[in-house]
Protein backbone atom coordinates (compact mmCIF):
# COMPACT_ATOMS: atom_id res chain seq x y z
CA MET A 1 -5.34 35.47 -44.06
CA THR A 2 -4.84 32.44 -46.19
CA GLN A 3 -5.28 32.41 -49.84
CA ASN A 4 -8.15 30.16 -51.36
CA ASN A 5 -6.68 28.60 -54.78
CA SER A 6 -9.95 27.16 -55.67
CA ASN A 7 -12.46 28.63 -58.04
CA ARG A 8 -15.19 28.86 -55.41
CA PRO A 9 -15.78 32.07 -53.58
CA ALA A 10 -15.10 32.10 -49.78
CA PRO A 11 -18.07 31.13 -47.74
CA LYS A 12 -20.11 34.08 -46.45
CA PRO A 13 -20.67 34.26 -42.56
CA LYS A 14 -24.18 33.09 -41.67
CA ALA A 15 -26.42 35.96 -40.75
CA LYS A 16 -28.43 35.60 -37.72
CA ARG A 17 -32.04 35.91 -38.17
CA PHE A 18 -34.28 37.47 -35.58
CA LEU A 19 -36.86 34.78 -35.32
CA HIS A 20 -34.61 31.72 -36.16
CA GLY A 21 -34.33 30.73 -32.62
CA PHE A 22 -38.08 30.82 -32.03
CA LEU A 23 -38.95 28.86 -35.36
CA VAL A 24 -36.15 26.33 -35.06
CA PRO A 25 -35.42 25.31 -31.54
CA ARG A 26 -31.78 24.97 -30.28
CA PHE A 27 -32.01 21.16 -30.08
CA ILE A 28 -33.31 20.82 -33.54
CA ALA A 29 -30.46 23.00 -34.83
CA ASN A 30 -27.84 20.75 -33.12
CA GLU A 31 -29.34 17.70 -34.49
CA VAL A 32 -29.38 19.02 -38.00
CA ALA A 33 -25.65 19.80 -37.60
CA THR A 34 -25.16 16.21 -36.45
CA TRP A 35 -27.01 14.76 -39.39
CA ARG A 36 -25.00 17.02 -41.88
CA GLU A 37 -21.81 15.73 -40.13
CA LEU A 38 -22.61 11.97 -39.97
CA GLY A 39 -25.21 11.59 -42.83
CA LEU A 40 -28.51 9.83 -42.46
CA GLY A 41 -27.03 6.29 -41.80
CA GLY A 42 -24.73 7.60 -39.14
CA TYR A 43 -27.33 9.65 -37.56
CA ILE A 44 -29.91 6.93 -37.24
CA ARG A 45 -27.06 4.73 -35.61
CA LYS A 46 -26.27 7.51 -33.21
CA ARG A 47 -29.79 8.70 -32.21
CA GLY A 48 -32.19 5.95 -33.45
CA PHE A 49 -35.62 6.16 -34.93
CA ARG A 50 -37.14 7.52 -31.63
CA PHE A 51 -35.68 10.95 -32.02
CA LEU A 52 -36.72 11.12 -35.61
CA ALA A 53 -40.14 10.54 -34.56
CA ALA A 54 -40.27 12.98 -31.88
CA VAL A 55 -38.94 15.77 -34.40
CA PHE A 56 -41.83 14.71 -36.80
CA ILE A 57 -44.41 14.90 -34.03
CA PHE A 58 -43.04 18.32 -33.06
CA TYR A 59 -43.49 19.67 -36.46
CA LEU A 60 -46.70 18.01 -37.14
CA VAL A 61 -48.19 19.68 -33.98
CA ARG A 62 -46.64 23.00 -34.77
CA ASP A 63 -47.90 22.96 -38.44
CA GLY A 64 -51.26 21.54 -37.62
CA THR A 65 -51.79 24.43 -35.13
CA LEU A 66 -50.70 27.13 -37.54
CA TYR A 67 -52.49 25.90 -40.67
CA VAL A 68 -55.39 23.98 -39.59
CA ILE A 69 -56.64 24.74 -36.04
CA ILE A 70 -56.22 28.58 -36.25
CA PRO A 71 -57.83 29.01 -39.60
CA TYR A 72 -60.84 26.68 -38.54
CA LEU A 73 -61.18 28.97 -35.42
CA VAL A 74 -61.24 32.13 -37.46
CA VAL A 75 -63.65 30.62 -40.05
CA SER A 76 -66.12 29.48 -37.46
CA GLY A 77 -66.04 32.81 -35.67
CA LEU A 78 -64.44 31.88 -32.42
CA ILE A 79 -61.60 34.12 -33.12
CA GLY A 80 -62.18 37.57 -34.48
CA CYS A 81 -60.70 38.53 -37.66
CA PRO A 82 -61.52 42.18 -38.80
CA GLY A 83 -62.86 42.18 -42.34
CA PRO A 84 -63.01 44.91 -45.01
CA GLU A 85 -65.82 46.72 -43.31
CA ALA A 86 -63.95 47.31 -40.08
CA GLY A 87 -62.13 50.34 -41.70
CA PRO A 88 -61.83 53.74 -40.22
C-alpha cells in the first residue's frame, strides 16, 4: 500500500445502492463519467447537443409521470389510495 502524503483522507470506495441501477440507467452513468472527464465543452464537442436533449427529455418524462400524472390520477379517483378510514 502506498503512503498518501497529502492532508486529504483516502477516498472511500463507493457503496453500491440497491436502486441506483433502476433510477439511473447505465448509459446515463457512463455519460456522467464522460462529462466529468472532459468537462462541459469537451462533452458537447464529443456528443453534441442532441444527446443532452435526449437526457433532458428522458428525465422530463420520468419526473412528469412521478410528480404530475400519478398524483393527478390519485386525486381524480382513477387510482385507489387508502385513506385514514381504511384502517383495521
